[in-house]
């Protein structure tokens, strides 16, 4: 599974639960709520004021 800015957070966590720590690092602590699981990485990063490209890179490095 290739992770992009448009990938839904819930899809990532279902397949790669070990990536949760990367979302916690950007201040996203509500990973269990339905809204956050339906957000794309890009949407979540916008809300949390962080760089989506950087998070995508970290996620892809972690799952490689």
C-alpha atoms as a PDB file:
ATOM      1  CA  UNK A   1       0.000   0.000   0.000  1.00  0.00           C
ATOM      2  CA  UNK A   2       1.490   3.323  -1.048  1.00  0.00           C
ATOM      3  CA  UNK A   3       0.721   6.126   1.378  1.00  0.00           C
ATOM      4  CA  UNK A   4      -0.067   9.543  -0.115  1.00  0.00           C
ATOM      5  CA  UNK A   5      -1.513  12.768   1.262  1.00  0.00           C
ATOM      6  CA  UNK A   6      -4.945  11.562   0.156  1.00  0.00           C
ATOM      7  CA  UNK A   7      -4.763   8.250   2.043  1.00  0.00           C
ATOM      8  CA  UNK A   8      -7.311   7.989   4.847  1.00  0.00           C
ATOM      9  CA  UNK A   9      -5.896   7.756   8.346  1.00  0.00           C
ATOM     10  CA  UNK A  10      -8.213   4.879   9.233  1.00  0.00           C
ATOM     11  CA  UNK A  11      -6.934   2.840   6.290  1.00  0.00           C
ATOM     12  CA  UNK A  12      -3.342   3.424   7.366  1.00  0.00           C
ATOM     13  CA  UNK A  13      -4.005   2.492  10.993  1.00  0.00           C
ATOM     14  CA  UNK A  14      -5.914  -0.645  10.021  1.00  0.00           C
ATOM     15  CA  UNK A  15      -3.011  -1.942   7.972  1.00  0.00           C
ATOM     16  CA  UNK A  16      -0.096  -0.386   9.885  1.00  0.00           C
ATOM     17  CA  UNK A  17      -1.087   0.209  13.540  1.00  0.00           C
ATOM     18  CA  UNK A  18       2.558   0.889  14.375  1.00  0.00           C
ATOM     19  CA  UNK A  19       2.234   4.249  12.584  1.00  0.00           C
ATOM     20  CA  UNK A  20      -0.032   5.627  15.347  1.00  0.00           C
ATOM     21  CA  UNK A  21       2.989   7.129  17.117  1.00  0.00           C
ATOM     22  CA  UNK A  22       3.651   9.347  14.083  1.00  0.00           C
ATOM     23  CA  UNK A  23       0.152  10.792  14.310  1.00  0.00           C
ATOM     24  CA  UNK A  24       0.585  11.325  18.063  1.00  0.00           C
ATOM     25  CA  UNK A  25       3.764  13.298  17.308  1.00  0.00           C
ATOM     26  CA  UNK A  26       1.757  15.894  15.341  1.00  0.00           C
ATOM     27  CA  UNK A  27      -0.741  16.255  18.184  1.00  0.00           C
ATOM     28  CA  UNK A  28      -3.385  13.968  16.769  1.00  0.00           C
ATOM     29  CA  UNK A  29      -4.434  12.077  19.878  1.00  0.00           C
ATOM     30  CA  UNK A  30      -8.007  11.237  18.850  1.00  0.00           C
ATOM     31  CA  UNK A  31      -7.211   8.383  16.478  1.00  0.00           C
ATOM     32  CA  UNK A  32     -10.155   6.314  17.674  1.00  0.00           C
ATOM     33  CA  UNK A  33     -12.849   8.835  16.875  1.00  0.00           C
ATOM     34  CA  UNK A  34     -14.780   8.251  13.642  1.00  0.00           C
ATOM     35  CA  UNK A  35     -14.017  11.705  12.252  1.00  0.00           C
ATOM     36  CA  UNK A  36     -10.244  11.354  12.456  1.00  0.00           C
ATOM     37  CA  UNK A  37     -10.316   7.897  10.856  1.00  0.00           C
ATOM     38  CA  UNK A  38     -12.135   9.359   7.856  1.00  0.00           C
ATOM     39  CA  UNK A  39      -9.684  12.215   7.341  1.00  0.00           C
ATOM     40  CA  UNK A  40      -6.907  12.147   4.821  1.00  0.00           C
ATOM     41  CA  UNK A  41      -3.361  12.844   5.925  1.00  0.00           C
ATOM     42  CA  UNK A  42      -3.563  16.183   4.145  1.00  0.00           C
ATOM     43  CA  UNK A  43      -6.726  17.206   6.010  1.00  0.00           C
ATOM     44  CA  UNK A  44      -5.332  16.149   9.389  1.00  0.00           C
ATOM     45  CA  UNK A  45      -2.053  17.964   8.824  1.00  0.00           C
ATOM     46  CA  UNK A  46      -3.887  21.124   7.822  1.00  0.00           C
ATOM     47  CA  UNK A  47      -5.947  21.051  11.024  1.00  0.00           C
ATOM     48  CA  UNK A  48      -2.888  20.314  13.168  1.00  0.00           C
ATOM     49  CA  UNK A  49      -0.630  22.842  11.420  1.00  0.00           C
ATOM     50  CA  UNK A  50       1.988  20.410  10.203  1.00  0.00           C
ATOM     51  CA  UNK A  51       3.547  19.442   6.871  1.00  0.00           C
ATOM     52  CA  UNK A  52       1.679  16.621   5.109  1.00  0.00           C
ATOM     53  CA  UNK A  53       4.598  15.738   2.829  1.00  0.00           C
ATOM     54  CA  UNK A  54       6.864  15.285   5.838  1.00  0.00           C
ATOM     55  CA  UNK A  55       4.366  13.007   7.593  1.00  0.00           C
ATOM     56  CA  UNK A  56       3.855  10.944   4.431  1.00  0.00           C
ATOM     57  CA  UNK A  57       7.624  10.490   4.178  1.00  0.00           C
ATOM     58  CA  UNK A  58       7.861   9.382   7.808  1.00  0.00           C
ATOM     59  CA  UNK A  59       4.982   6.926   7.419  1.00  0.00           C
ATOM     60  CA  UNK A  60       6.397   5.407   4.240  1.00  0.00           C
ATOM     61  CA  UNK A  61       9.829   5.088   5.867  1.00  0.00           C
ATOM     62  CA  UNK A  62       8.322   3.362   8.900  1.00  0.00           C
ATOM     63  CA  UNK A  63       6.375   0.795   6.876  1.00  0.00           C
ATOM     64  CA  UNK A  64       9.177   0.112   4.387  1.00  0.00           C
END
